[in-house]
Protein backbone atom coordinates (compact mmCIF):
# COMPACT_ATOMS: atom_id res chain seq x y z
CA MET A 1 57.78 163.00 88.60
CA ALA A 2 57.78 159.48 89.73
CA PHE A 3 57.02 158.43 93.22
CA ASP A 4 60.23 156.81 95.14
CA ASP A 5 59.92 153.29 96.85
CA GLY A 6 57.54 154.09 99.41
CA LEU A 7 55.19 152.23 97.88
CA ALA A 8 57.25 149.31 97.02
CA LEU A 9 55.71 148.78 93.51
CA GLY A 10 56.43 148.33 89.83
CA ALA A 11 56.42 151.06 87.01
CA GLN A 12 53.23 150.03 85.69
CA HIS A 13 51.40 150.68 89.33
CA HIS A 14 53.26 154.04 88.88
CA ALA A 15 51.13 154.73 85.26
CA ALA A 16 48.00 153.24 86.68
CA LEU A 17 48.10 155.24 89.80
CA GLU A 18 48.95 158.30 87.72
CA ARG A 19 46.77 157.80 84.95
CA CYS A 20 43.35 157.61 87.81
CA GLY A 21 44.39 160.57 89.77
CA ARG A 22 44.42 164.25 88.78
CA VAL A 23 47.77 166.30 89.95
CA ALA A 24 46.97 168.82 92.21
CA ARG A 25 49.95 171.72 93.08
CA MET A 26 49.22 173.42 96.50
CA PRO A 27 51.05 176.34 97.84
CA ALA A 28 52.61 176.65 101.59
CA GLY A 29 49.62 176.38 104.24
CA THR A 30 46.69 174.62 102.29
CA ARG A 31 44.26 172.45 104.37
CA LEU A 32 43.63 169.18 102.78
CA PHE A 33 41.52 168.09 105.28
CA ASP A 34 40.51 168.19 108.76
CA ALA A 35 39.59 165.36 111.52
CA GLY A 36 36.16 164.23 110.84
CA GLN A 37 35.65 165.49 107.15
CA SER A 38 33.69 163.34 105.56
CA ASP A 39 36.05 163.34 102.31
CA ASP A 40 36.34 160.07 99.89
CA ARG A 41 40.10 161.91 98.43
CA ILE A 42 43.28 160.19 98.83
CA PHE A 43 46.12 162.17 98.34
CA LEU A 44 49.59 160.97 97.38
CA VAL A 45 52.45 163.32 97.84
CA ARG A 46 54.58 163.72 94.71
CA ALA A 47 56.63 166.18 95.85
CA GLY A 48 56.52 168.91 98.76
CA ARG A 49 55.91 168.06 102.44
CA VAL A 50 52.53 167.60 104.38
CA ARG A 51 51.79 167.90 107.97
CA THR A 52 49.79 165.34 109.99
CA PHE A 53 48.25 166.77 113.04
CA ALA A 54 45.78 166.17 115.54
CA ILE A 55 43.88 168.53 117.76
CA ALA A 56 43.91 168.64 121.92
CA ALA A 57 40.99 168.87 124.05
CA ASP A 58 42.85 172.56 124.57
CA GLY A 59 42.95 173.25 121.04
CA GLN A 60 46.65 172.40 120.75
CA GLU A 61 47.57 171.18 117.51
CA ILE A 62 49.82 167.82 117.98
CA THR A 63 51.77 166.94 115.07
CA THR A 64 51.72 163.32 114.27
CA GLY A 65 54.28 163.04 111.47
CA VAL A 66 55.86 165.17 108.64
CA TRP A 67 55.66 163.48 105.13
CA SER A 68 57.12 163.98 101.56
CA ARG A 69 57.38 161.59 98.58
CA GLY A 70 55.72 158.26 97.96
CA SER A 71 53.58 159.14 101.36
CA VAL A 72 50.03 158.57 101.02
CA MET A 73 47.24 161.05 103.21
CA GLY A 74 43.77 160.43 103.97
CA LEU A 75 43.12 156.74 103.27
CA LEU A 76 42.21 156.01 106.23
CA GLY A 77 39.21 158.10 106.26
CA ALA A 78 38.37 157.57 102.62
CA MET A 79 38.05 153.79 102.75
CA GLU A 80 35.90 153.49 106.38
CA GLN A 81 33.81 156.96 105.14
CA GLY A 82 33.58 158.09 109.23
CA GLY A 83 35.37 161.01 108.53
CA LYS A 84 39.05 161.45 108.57
CA VAL A 85 41.25 160.40 110.79
CA LEU A 86 43.67 163.33 111.28
CA SER A 87 43.81 167.11 109.63
CA ALA A 88 46.94 167.27 107.31
CA GLN A 89 48.19 170.77 105.87
CA THR A 90 51.05 171.40 103.30
CA LEU A 91 54.21 172.63 104.99
CA ASP A 92 55.85 174.32 101.36
CA ALA A 93 54.43 174.31 97.97
CA ALA A 94 53.69 170.52 97.10
CA GLU A 95 52.56 168.73 93.93
CA LEU A 96 50.18 165.81 94.83
CA LEU A 97 48.65 163.37 93.00
CA VAL A 98 44.61 163.40 93.71
CA LEU A 99 42.81 160.07 93.68
CA GLN A 100 39.16 159.34 94.49
CA GLU A 101 38.29 156.27 96.94
CA GLU A 102 36.01 154.47 94.47
CA ARG A 103 38.39 155.18 91.81
CA LEU A 104 41.51 153.41 93.63
CA HIS A 105 38.74 150.36 94.98
CA ARG A 106 38.48 150.00 91.62
CA LEU A 107 42.58 149.80 90.54
CA VAL A 108 43.30 147.64 93.61
CA LEU A 109 40.77 145.07 92.44
CA ASP A 110 42.86 145.04 88.92
CA HIS A 111 45.97 145.46 90.54
CA PRO A 112 46.12 142.93 93.90
CA ASP A 113 49.93 144.24 94.03
CA LEU A 114 48.99 147.59 94.66
CA GLY A 115 46.41 147.42 97.29
CA TRP A 116 49.26 145.09 99.31
CA GLY A 117 51.71 148.16 98.58
CA LEU A 118 49.13 150.64 100.23
CA MET A 119 48.75 147.98 103.11
CA ARG A 120 52.48 148.50 103.93
CA LEU A 121 52.70 151.72 103.53
CA LEU A 122 49.87 152.89 105.85
CA ALA A 123 51.20 150.70 108.28
CA ARG A 124 54.12 151.93 108.61
CA MET A 125 52.91 155.55 108.93
CA ALA A 126 50.60 155.19 111.35
CA ALA A 127 53.28 153.06 113.62
CA SER A 128 55.48 156.03 112.80
CA SER A 129 52.64 158.20 113.91
CA ILE A 130 51.64 156.07 117.20
CA GLN A 131 55.39 155.66 118.48
CA ARG A 132 55.28 159.91 117.89
CA ALA A 133 52.46 159.78 120.07
CA LEU A 134 53.97 157.81 122.55
CA ARG A 135 56.80 159.61 122.92
CA LEU A 136 55.69 162.98 123.29
CA ALA A 137 52.69 162.41 125.41
CA SER A 138 54.84 163.75 128.19
CA ALA A 139 57.36 165.12 126.60
CA SER A 140 58.46 169.04 127.57
CA ALA A 141 58.87 171.67 124.76
CA PRO A 142 62.41 171.01 124.36
CA GLN A 143 62.01 167.96 123.60
CA ARG A 144 59.00 168.69 121.04
CA LEU A 145 61.04 170.65 119.17
CA VAL A 146 64.02 168.52 118.62
CA ASP A 147 61.73 165.49 117.75
CA ALA A 148 60.34 168.12 115.09
CA LEU A 149 63.59 169.15 113.53
CA VAL A 150 64.84 165.35 113.92
CA MET A 151 61.10 164.38 111.71
CA LEU A 152 62.47 167.21 108.95
CA ALA A 153 65.90 166.16 109.07
CA GLU A 154 65.26 162.23 108.80
CA LEU A 155 62.79 163.17 105.12
CA PRO A 156 64.78 161.95 102.04
CA GLU A 157 64.56 165.54 101.02
CA ALA A 158 67.08 166.87 104.02
CA ARG A 159 69.37 163.77 103.91
CA ARG A 160 72.70 164.00 102.07
CA ALA A 161 73.79 160.24 100.75
CA GLY A 162 76.35 158.43 102.78
CA ALA A 163 76.71 161.41 105.39
CA ALA A 164 75.37 161.91 109.11
CA ALA A 165 74.61 165.30 108.06
CA ALA A 166 71.30 166.79 106.96
CA VAL A 167 69.77 169.94 105.81
CA ILE A 168 66.13 171.40 106.64
CA GLU A 169 65.13 174.22 103.90
CA GLY A 170 61.84 176.06 103.43
CA ILE A 171 60.72 176.03 107.40
CA SER A 172 60.29 179.38 109.29
CA GLN A 173 60.39 179.65 113.14
CA GLU A 174 56.64 180.03 113.26
CA THR A 175 56.06 176.97 111.63
CA LEU A 176 58.14 175.14 114.08
CA ALA A 177 56.46 177.31 117.12
CA GLY A 178 52.63 175.64 115.42
CA MET A 179 54.47 172.29 115.00
CA THR A 180 55.61 172.30 119.30
CA GLY A 181 52.89 174.22 120.39
CA ALA A 182 55.09 176.97 121.40
CA SER A 183 55.37 180.54 120.58
CA ARG A 184 57.78 181.83 117.89
CA PRO A 185 59.80 183.88 120.39
CA TRP A 186 60.52 180.72 122.64
CA VAL A 187 61.58 178.62 119.42
CA ALA A 188 64.04 181.41 118.33
CA GLN A 189 65.50 181.25 121.80
CA ALA A 190 65.58 177.81 121.91
CA MET A 191 67.28 176.96 118.42
CA GLY A 192 70.07 179.59 119.31
CA ASP A 193 70.68 176.80 122.50
CA LEU A 194 70.64 174.08 120.42
CA ALA A 195 73.11 175.94 118.32
CA GLN A 196 75.33 176.71 121.08
CA ARG A 197 75.44 173.00 121.66
CA GLY A 198 76.35 172.28 118.37
CA LEU A 199 73.30 170.41 117.57
CA LEU A 200 72.61 172.52 114.43
CA VAL A 201 73.70 175.80 112.45
CA PRO A 202 70.68 177.64 111.97
CA SER A 203 69.80 180.63 108.82
CA ARG A 204 66.64 182.19 107.37
CA LEU A 205 64.93 179.54 105.96
CA ARG A 206 67.66 176.77 106.42
CA ILE A 207 68.60 174.77 109.30
CA ALA A 208 71.80 172.67 108.76
CA VAL A 209 72.05 169.70 111.35
CA PRO A 210 75.94 168.76 111.39
CA ASP A 211 74.71 164.94 112.75
CA VAL A 212 71.15 163.64 112.74
CA ALA A 213 72.36 160.87 115.01
CA ARG A 214 73.34 163.43 118.03
CA LEU A 215 70.17 165.68 117.34
CA ARG A 216 67.90 162.50 118.38
CA ALA A 217 69.78 161.57 120.91
CA ALA A 218 68.68 165.43 122.66
CA VAL A 219 65.28 163.87 122.13
CA SER A 220 65.83 162.19 125.41
CA THR A 221 67.21 165.81 127.44
CA GLY A 222 65.50 168.54 125.32
């Protein structure tokens, strides 16, 4: 399976990455690394979804992003050799390409365009994480839930070509509770409220979003 256009690279660079790494298939809930951990591994997502998060002083997990095919995890920590900046965990069964920092470094020296593509991807991911952290700094629990749903609905796997709608599959209320720092019963009630407003149609491990733009607008109100 090839990466998507997240890296904006040609076929030769995709092939070079594949030769330098090893494919790992991991079940849902696998912790890839923890913040502060010294680890020179870099993970490129081939399939599935991965959540990155930080842990606040009170122990609450703060989700900084949900990433899918074409995204890269752990690059900053591997390059700086000072420990991973965030923690990362698979949300569902995922297929990852795992590279060691030294091998990626040699590859970038041989393919400068690859290094530039990684820099651009890392900048986009960092900007997205910072913007989300700023949004959620003073957000209420309902706003955090809506923000998490929008993040999942905007992934390529959820969007329907040419349509305003999206379908989020494979995400349980327990997972959403962990992403928003809330209890599962509260998430169930809040999802029911959103359904009554016509913003989503929840069922077991499937959440249909009729209009992602309308749901996104609800972040400001919760």
